[in-house]
Amino acid sequence: MRLQEIFQKPVDRPIEGVIKADDESSLYLEIEEYVLTNEIAKRLENFLDAYNNYQGANGVWISGFFGSGKSHLLKILSLVLENRRINDTPALDLFLPKCSGNEILRGDLKRAAAVPSASILFNIDQKADVISKTQVDALLSVFVKVFDEHCGYYGKQGHIARFERDLNRRGLYGQFREKYRGISGLPWEEGREQALLEGENIAAAYAAITGVARESVADILDRYRSEYKLSIEDFANQVNDYIKTQAPGFRLNFFVDEVGQYIADNIKLMTNLQTIAESLATKGRGRAWMIVTAQEDMNSVVGEMNKQHGNDFSKIQARFANRMKLTSANVAEVIHPRLLEKNEIGVSILSDSYHQEANNLKTLFDFVDGAQTYRNFRNRDHF
């Protein structure tokens, strides 16, 4: 028998070393390959208890060093809470078998997935359009962008998204899209990307559906651009308005990868993160959550900022009271079941080999003179 034939899963199968928030090509495989360790199971129980029984803290801080699996966990949570269908199978059904023997966790997961929700998953650095993080609205602009895109609007240009949202509120968005296509010959999704060149056609379509004189709205998008402003309060209100249009009890969850790296030691960005989470909690009252990842745990990040700048970030600690710290102990626990698990034939062959060679193994690891001792296999299962 060849060595690769003793493993439960093909050892030469492709395994993505880095989980990317925007990669949806291997969702089924990413859930299938996920290993739920005992430590993560405990962290999930605490988080789900807070999620199912909201007590005011709508933020979750997932921390861990590079390679600890925080991005993978973030992505799994975004799929399971939304209970998204993957290859015609609900994500919850794919994940529950990993919780066998833990009925509390299984029950909490079922309860959380039963809540109607939508997940917005993104890597914040990847989605950021601003050149400098020193811009006042650097963090907010990313949240506004991904929310606009989730709603079907043009997130890359906030003023165009607001134009679309206003049309939608008046029940004219569908008519505008049809009229624009009839005039320009382009679908609106293409036209809005060429807004500078399509100004006349946009104005003509708007005038046609509203009944106003075309000349009076020739610069309609320019007006939106000049009056467009970002504010955290407006963003929170828009999120809350969106939630109200959904099913009773609906939740909108933001899953933000690499927040810690993006914020670094920037006081303004940290303050904005705190205010965004706080505003979503105030307006949404538990129906808008923010789950983020960072390499540093919350206490380390806040403690360092307090020390360097003399600021008090106790509010953000309270807002992100739900914390999930992943440690190096998880790595070994993940490698064994994911890569080294044997099939029945492999277990049988290796068991026989161990019993035959157990005494010889001792001579290989322990030197007679005691000068050097290496760790031997503890038992058959360890072997």
Protein backbone atom coordinates (compact mmCIF):
# COMPACT_ATOMS: atom_id res chain seq x y z
CA MET A 1 0.00 0.00 0.00
CA ARG A 2 1.23 3.49 -0.84
CA LEU A 3 1.66 6.04 1.92
CA GLN A 4 -1.01 8.45 0.64
CA GLU A 5 -3.59 5.67 0.69
CA ILE A 6 -3.72 5.46 4.49
CA PHE A 7 -5.13 8.97 4.96
CA GLN A 8 -8.82 9.81 5.32
CA LYS A 9 -8.54 12.68 2.83
CA PRO A 10 -6.24 13.00 -0.20
CA VAL A 11 -2.96 14.49 1.01
CA ASP A 12 -2.33 16.09 -2.37
CA ARG A 13 -5.62 18.01 -2.40
CA PRO A 14 -5.33 21.80 -2.74
CA ILE A 15 -5.57 23.61 0.59
CA GLU A 16 -5.81 27.39 0.60
CA GLY A 17 -3.20 28.67 3.02
CA VAL A 18 -4.80 32.09 3.41
CA ILE A 19 -8.56 32.54 3.61
CA LYS A 20 -9.72 35.61 1.69
CA ALA A 21 -12.91 37.44 2.57
CA ASP A 22 -13.86 38.16 -1.05
CA ASP A 23 -13.11 34.69 -2.45
CA GLU A 24 -16.32 32.74 -2.97
CA SER A 25 -14.94 30.07 -5.28
CA SER A 26 -14.39 27.45 -2.57
CA LEU A 27 -16.99 28.10 0.13
CA TYR A 28 -18.04 24.45 0.39
CA LEU A 29 -14.43 23.32 0.76
CA GLU A 30 -13.67 26.03 3.31
CA ILE A 31 -16.51 24.85 5.56
CA GLU A 32 -15.66 21.20 5.01
CA GLU A 33 -11.99 21.78 5.88
CA TYR A 34 -12.75 23.85 8.97
CA VAL A 35 -11.72 22.18 12.22
CA LEU A 36 -13.65 23.17 15.34
CA THR A 37 -11.24 22.93 18.26
CA ASN A 38 -12.34 22.71 21.88
CA GLU A 39 -11.07 26.21 22.55
CA ILE A 40 -12.93 27.74 19.61
CA ALA A 41 -16.07 25.83 20.59
CA LYS A 42 -15.97 27.50 24.02
CA ARG A 43 -15.44 30.92 22.44
CA LEU A 44 -18.36 30.29 20.09
CA GLU A 45 -20.62 29.33 22.98
CA ASN A 46 -19.87 32.64 24.71
CA PHE A 47 -20.41 34.64 21.52
CA LEU A 48 -23.64 32.88 20.58
CA ASP A 49 -24.99 33.37 24.09
CA ALA A 50 -24.44 37.13 23.64
CA TYR A 51 -25.82 37.06 20.09
CA ASN A 52 -28.96 35.19 21.08
CA ASN A 53 -29.48 37.21 24.26
CA TYR A 54 -28.52 40.78 23.36
CA GLN A 55 -27.42 42.83 26.37
CA GLY A 56 -26.10 46.00 24.72
CA ALA A 57 -22.70 44.91 23.34
CA ASN A 58 -22.98 44.47 19.57
CA GLY A 59 -19.24 44.16 18.85
CA VAL A 60 -17.09 41.02 18.65
CA TRP A 61 -13.28 41.20 18.62
CA ILE A 62 -11.53 38.09 17.21
CA SER A 63 -7.78 38.18 17.81
CA GLY A 64 -4.88 35.88 17.02
CA PHE A 65 -1.48 35.84 15.36
CA PHE A 66 -1.05 35.39 11.61
CA GLY A 67 -2.13 31.88 10.65
CA SER A 68 -4.21 31.26 13.77
CA GLY A 69 -7.40 30.95 11.73
CA LYS A 70 -9.20 34.15 12.67
CA SER A 71 -10.09 35.02 9.06
CA HIS A 72 -11.33 31.48 8.49
CA LEU A 73 -13.49 31.66 11.62
CA LEU A 74 -14.84 35.07 10.59
CA LYS A 75 -15.86 33.72 7.19
CA ILE A 76 -17.47 30.61 8.66
CA LEU A 77 -19.49 32.74 11.08
CA SER A 78 -20.67 34.99 8.25
CA LEU A 79 -21.94 31.96 6.33
CA VAL A 80 -23.50 30.10 9.25
CA LEU A 81 -25.32 33.05 10.84
CA GLU A 82 -26.81 33.98 7.48
CA ASN A 83 -27.36 30.25 6.87
CA ARG A 84 -26.40 30.79 3.27
CA ARG A 85 -27.05 27.95 0.85
CA ILE A 86 -23.84 26.47 -0.52
CA ASN A 87 -24.23 23.92 -3.30
CA ASP A 88 -27.94 23.75 -2.40
CA THR A 89 -27.14 22.93 1.24
CA PRO A 90 -27.64 25.38 4.13
CA ALA A 91 -24.33 26.37 5.71
CA LEU A 92 -25.65 25.37 9.13
CA ASP A 93 -26.22 21.79 7.96
CA LEU A 94 -22.62 21.64 6.74
CA PHE A 95 -21.25 22.97 10.02
CA LEU A 96 -23.36 21.16 12.64
CA PRO A 97 -21.61 17.76 12.24
CA LYS A 98 -18.44 19.42 13.56
CA CYS A 99 -20.26 20.05 16.86
CA SER A 100 -21.16 16.42 17.53
CA GLY A 101 -21.21 15.79 21.26
CA ASN A 102 -21.73 19.46 22.13
CA GLU A 103 -25.49 19.85 22.31
CA ILE A 104 -25.29 23.31 23.87
CA LEU A 105 -23.30 24.66 20.93
CA ARG A 106 -25.54 22.89 18.42
CA GLY A 107 -28.61 24.40 20.04
CA ASP A 108 -27.12 27.89 20.13
CA LEU A 109 -26.11 27.65 16.47
CA LYS A 110 -29.58 26.54 15.41
CA ARG A 111 -31.16 29.36 17.37
CA ALA A 112 -28.79 31.97 15.91
CA ALA A 113 -29.17 30.71 12.34
CA ALA A 114 -32.96 30.77 12.70
CA VAL A 115 -32.81 34.55 13.11
CA PRO A 116 -33.24 36.14 9.65
CA SER A 117 -30.03 37.98 8.84
CA ALA A 118 -27.64 39.12 6.14
CA SER A 119 -23.85 39.10 6.36
CA ILE A 120 -21.57 41.73 4.87
CA LEU A 121 -18.07 40.24 4.85
CA PHE A 122 -15.07 42.28 3.69
CA ASN A 123 -11.38 42.98 4.19
CA ILE A 124 -11.30 46.61 5.23
CA ASP A 125 -7.92 47.45 3.71
CA GLN A 126 -8.96 45.90 0.41
CA LYS A 127 -12.22 47.84 0.26
CA ALA A 128 -10.74 51.19 1.25
CA ASP A 129 -10.57 53.67 -1.63
CA VAL A 130 -8.98 56.53 0.29
CA ILE A 131 -5.30 57.16 -0.27
CA SER A 132 -4.56 58.22 3.29
CA LYS A 133 -5.92 56.82 6.54
CA THR A 134 -5.52 60.27 8.04
CA GLN A 135 -8.65 61.40 6.21
CA VAL A 136 -11.37 62.06 8.76
CA ASP A 137 -13.90 59.67 7.23
CA ALA A 138 -11.45 56.94 6.13
CA LEU A 139 -13.06 54.18 8.20
CA LEU A 140 -16.65 55.34 7.79
CA SER A 141 -16.32 55.56 4.01
CA VAL A 142 -15.51 51.85 3.84
CA PHE A 143 -18.57 50.90 5.87
CA VAL A 144 -20.78 53.16 3.75
CA LYS A 145 -19.31 51.67 0.57
CA VAL A 146 -19.93 48.02 1.48
CA PHE A 147 -23.41 48.81 2.78
CA ASP A 148 -24.32 50.65 -0.43
CA GLU A 149 -23.04 47.71 -2.47
CA HIS A 150 -25.07 45.31 -0.33
CA CYS A 151 -28.18 47.36 -1.10
CA GLY A 152 -27.42 47.20 -4.83
CA TYR A 153 -26.20 50.78 -5.14
CA TYR A 154 -22.91 52.11 -6.55
CA GLY A 155 -20.61 51.98 -3.55
CA LYS A 156 -17.56 53.44 -5.30
CA GLN A 157 -19.24 56.83 -5.64
CA GLY A 158 -21.23 57.75 -2.56
CA HIS A 159 -23.13 60.58 -4.23
CA ILE A 160 -24.38 58.27 -6.98
CA ALA A 161 -25.45 55.72 -4.37
CA ARG A 162 -27.40 58.45 -2.59
CA PHE A 163 -29.02 59.43 -5.91
CA GLU A 164 -30.08 55.80 -6.39
CA ARG A 165 -31.34 55.52 -2.82
CA ASP A 166 -33.45 58.67 -3.18
CA LEU A 167 -34.99 57.32 -6.38
CA ASN A 168 -35.73 54.04 -4.63
CA ARG A 169 -37.44 55.78 -1.74
CA ARG A 170 -39.76 57.48 -4.21
CA GLY A 171 -40.42 54.23 -6.04
CA LEU A 172 -38.73 55.51 -9.19
CA TYR A 173 -35.51 53.52 -9.26
CA GLY A 174 -36.82 50.72 -11.46
CA GLN A 175 -38.39 53.18 -13.91
CA PHE A 176 -35.19 55.20 -14.04
CA ARG A 177 -33.09 52.14 -14.87
CA GLU A 178 -35.42 51.15 -17.69
CA LYS A 179 -35.65 54.68 -19.09
CA TYR A 180 -31.88 55.14 -18.92
CA ARG A 181 -31.29 51.92 -20.83
CA GLY A 182 -33.80 52.96 -23.46
CA ILE A 183 -32.06 56.31 -23.95
CA SER A 184 -28.40 55.26 -23.72
CA GLY A 185 -28.50 51.64 -24.81
CA LEU A 186 -26.47 50.72 -21.72
CA PRO A 187 -27.54 48.92 -18.56
CA TRP A 188 -27.48 51.28 -15.59
CA GLU A 189 -24.72 49.21 -13.91
CA GLU A 190 -22.39 50.21 -16.76
CA GLY A 191 -23.70 53.73 -17.15
CA ARG A 192 -23.11 54.74 -13.54
CA GLU A 193 -19.46 53.74 -13.87
CA GLN A 194 -19.19 56.23 -16.75
CA ALA A 195 -21.20 58.95 -15.05
CA LEU A 196 -18.88 61.73 -16.25
CA LEU A 197 -19.56 60.79 -19.88
CA GLU A 198 -23.19 59.81 -19.38
CA GLY A 199 -24.37 63.01 -17.71
CA GLU A 200 -26.77 64.00 -20.50
CA ASN A 201 -28.38 60.57 -20.71
CA ILE A 202 -28.76 60.40 -16.92
CA ALA A 203 -30.40 63.83 -16.86
CA ALA A 204 -32.69 62.88 -19.75
CA ALA A 205 -33.82 59.68 -18.02
CA TYR A 206 -34.39 61.49 -14.73
CA ALA A 207 -36.39 64.25 -16.43
CA ALA A 208 -38.52 61.68 -18.27
CA ILE A 209 -39.60 59.78 -15.14
CA THR A 210 -40.12 62.86 -12.95
CA GLY A 211 -41.76 65.11 -15.54
CA VAL A 212 -39.45 68.05 -14.88
CA ALA A 213 -37.74 70.11 -17.56
CA ARG A 214 -34.56 68.46 -18.78
CA GLU A 215 -32.62 71.73 -18.57
CA SER A 216 -33.38 72.08 -14.87
CA VAL A 217 -31.76 68.73 -14.01
CA ALA A 218 -28.88 68.76 -16.49
CA ASP A 219 -26.44 68.84 -13.58
CA ILE A 220 -28.35 66.51 -11.25
CA LEU A 221 -25.34 64.35 -10.35
CA ASP A 222 -23.12 67.41 -9.89
CA ARG A 223 -25.58 68.68 -7.31
CA TYR A 224 -25.52 65.37 -5.49
CA ARG A 225 -21.72 65.41 -5.52
CA SER A 226 -21.49 68.93 -4.11
CA GLU A 227 -24.00 68.24 -1.34
CA TYR A 228 -22.79 64.75 -0.44
CA LYS A 229 -21.44 64.41 3.08
CA LEU A 230 -20.61 61.46 5.28
CA SER A 231 -21.67 61.17 8.88
CA ILE A 232 -21.79 58.22 11.23
CA GLU A 233 -25.30 59.17 12.32
CA ASP A 234 -26.58 59.17 8.73
CA PHE A 235 -24.97 55.80 8.12
CA ALA A 236 -26.54 54.29 11.25
CA ASN A 237 -29.94 55.69 10.24
CA GLN A 238 -29.63 54.20 6.75
CA VAL A 239 -28.74 50.81 8.21
CA ASN A 240 -31.68 51.01 10.59
CA ASP A 241 -34.05 52.04 7.79
CA TYR A 242 -32.86 49.08 5.73
CA ILE A 243 -33.39 46.68 8.65
CA LYS A 244 -36.95 47.95 9.09
CA THR A 245 -37.77 46.92 5.52
CA GLN A 246 -36.75 43.32 6.21
CA ALA A 247 -38.48 40.46 8.01
CA PRO A 248 -39.33 40.86 11.72
CA GLY A 249 -36.27 40.33 13.90
CA PHE A 250 -33.90 40.70 10.94
CA ARG A 251 -30.24 41.46 11.68
CA LEU A 252 -27.51 42.97 9.53
CA ASN A 253 -24.05 41.77 10.53
CA PHE A 254 -20.80 43.38 9.41
CA PHE A 255 -17.84 40.95 9.34
CA VAL A 256 -14.68 43.04 9.03
CA ASP A 257 -11.33 41.36 8.45
CA GLU A 258 -8.02 42.93 9.55
CA VAL A 259 -9.44 45.91 11.42
CA GLY A 260 -6.51 45.88 13.83
CA GLN A 261 -3.98 46.17 11.03
CA TYR A 262 -5.95 48.96 9.33
CA ILE A 263 -6.37 51.01 12.49
CA ALA A 264 -2.84 50.34 13.81
CA ASP A 265 -2.18 53.14 16.32
CA ASN A 266 -4.40 55.73 14.65
CA ILE A 267 -6.45 57.43 17.36
CA LYS A 268 -8.99 58.88 14.93
CA LEU A 269 -9.71 55.52 13.30
CA MET A 270 -10.11 53.83 16.68
CA THR A 271 -12.50 56.57 17.80
CA ASN A 272 -14.51 56.19 14.59
CA LEU A 273 -14.72 52.42 15.06
CA GLN A 274 -16.03 53.00 18.56
CA THR A 275 -18.61 55.54 17.37
CA ILE A 276 -19.80 53.41 14.45
CA ALA A 277 -20.35 50.41 16.72
CA GLU A 278 -22.05 52.61 19.30
CA SER A 279 -24.35 54.27 16.75
CA LEU A 280 -25.35 50.92 15.24
CA ALA A 281 -26.17 49.67 18.73
CA THR A 282 -28.18 52.78 19.60
CA LYS A 283 -30.18 52.84 16.38
CA GLY A 284 -30.43 49.10 15.76
CA ARG A 285 -30.78 47.87 19.35
CA GLY A 286 -29.10 44.55 18.74
CA ARG A 287 -30.11 44.18 15.11
CA ALA A 288 -26.80 45.44 13.67
CA TRP A 289 -23.62 43.65 14.76
CA MET A 290 -19.95 44.22 14.03
CA ILE A 291 -17.56 41.26 14.14
CA VAL A 292 -13.92 42.19 13.49
CA THR A 293 -10.50 40.53 13.45
CA ALA A 294 -7.13 41.79 14.65
CA GLN A 295 -3.75 40.31 15.48
CA GLU A 296 -3.70 42.03 18.86
CA ASP A 297 -6.33 41.41 21.50
CA MET A 298 -8.54 44.32 22.54
CA ASN A 299 -6.81 44.96 25.87
CA SER A 300 -3.38 45.21 24.20
CA VAL A 301 -4.57 47.62 21.50
CA VAL A 302 -6.46 49.87 23.89
CA GLY A 303 -3.80 49.72 26.59
CA GLU A 304 -1.07 50.82 24.18
CA MET A 305 -3.17 53.70 22.86
CA ASN A 306 -4.04 54.86 26.35
CA LYS A 307 -0.36 54.81 27.27
CA GLN A 308 0.84 56.69 24.18
CA HIS A 309 -1.90 59.27 23.84
CA GLY A 310 -3.57 59.50 27.22
CA ASN A 311 -6.98 58.66 25.78
CA ASP A 312 -9.70 56.70 27.50
CA PHE A 313 -11.02 53.92 25.28
CA SER A 314 -13.11 52.23 27.95
CA LYS A 315 -16.20 52.77 25.79
CA ILE A 316 -14.87 50.68 22.92
CA GLN A 317 -13.92 47.95 25.37
CA ALA A 318 -17.52 47.89 26.56
CA ARG A 319 -18.83 47.94 22.99
CA PHE A 320 -16.58 45.01 21.99
CA ALA A 321 -17.18 43.09 25.20
CA ASN A 322 -17.49 39.84 23.24
CA ARG A 323 -13.95 38.64 22.54
CA MET A 324 -12.58 35.50 20.94
CA LYS A 325 -8.85 35.03 21.32
CA LEU A 326 -7.25 32.28 19.23
CA THR A 327 -4.00 30.84 20.56
CA SER A 328 -1.17 28.74 19.16
CA ALA A 329 -2.64 25.67 20.86
CA ASN A 330 -5.25 25.61 18.13
CA VAL A 331 -2.70 25.01 15.38
CA ALA A 332 -1.68 21.48 16.38
CA GLU A 333 -5.28 20.61 17.15
CA VAL A 334 -6.23 21.68 13.62
CA ILE A 335 -3.38 19.98 11.74
CA HIS A 336 -4.07 16.48 13.05
CA PRO A 337 -7.72 16.08 11.98
CA ARG A 338 -7.32 18.18 8.86
CA LEU A 339 -4.20 16.57 7.43
CA LEU A 340 -3.21 13.47 9.39
CA GLU A 341 -6.48 11.64 10.05
CA LYS A 342 -6.26 8.03 8.84
CA ASN A 343 -8.85 5.81 7.21
CA GLU A 344 -9.82 2.38 8.61
CA ILE A 345 -7.16 0.55 6.63
CA GLY A 346 -4.52 3.06 7.69
CA VAL A 347 -5.48 2.72 11.36
CA SER A 348 -5.25 -1.06 11.14
CA ILE A 349 -1.85 -1.06 9.41
CA LEU A 350 -0.32 1.53 11.73
CA SER A 351 -1.70 -0.19 14.83
CA ASP A 352 -0.02 -3.43 13.83
CA SER A 353 3.22 -1.57 13.07
CA TYR A 354 3.19 0.14 16.44
CA HIS A 355 2.71 -3.08 18.41
CA GLN A 356 5.46 -4.79 16.42
CA GLU A 357 7.95 -1.94 16.79
CA ALA A 358 7.05 -0.45 20.19
CA ASN A 359 10.19 -1.80 21.89
CA ASN A 360 12.42 -0.78 19.01
CA LEU A 361 11.04 2.75 19.08
CA LYS A 362 12.31 3.15 22.63
CA THR A 363 15.88 2.36 21.57
CA LEU A 364 15.63 4.92 18.77
CA PHE A 365 14.60 7.77 21.07
CA ASP A 366 16.55 6.97 24.27
CA PHE A 367 20.36 6.75 24.24
CA VAL A 368 22.00 4.24 26.57
CA ASP A 369 24.39 6.73 28.16
CA GLY A 370 21.54 9.14 28.82
CA ALA A 371 23.38 11.93 27.00
CA GLN A 372 20.36 12.72 24.85
CA THR A 373 16.70 11.85 25.14
CA TYR A 374 14.05 12.51 22.54
CA ARG A 375 10.33 12.45 23.08
CA ASN A 376 8.89 9.06 22.23
CA PHE A 377 5.35 8.23 21.14
CA ARG A 378 3.07 8.13 24.18
CA ASN A 379 0.85 5.33 22.91
CA ARG A 380 -0.66 3.79 19.82
CA ASP A 381 -3.00 6.70 19.13
CA HIS A 382 -0.13 9.19 19.39
CA PHE A 383 1.89 7.08 16.96
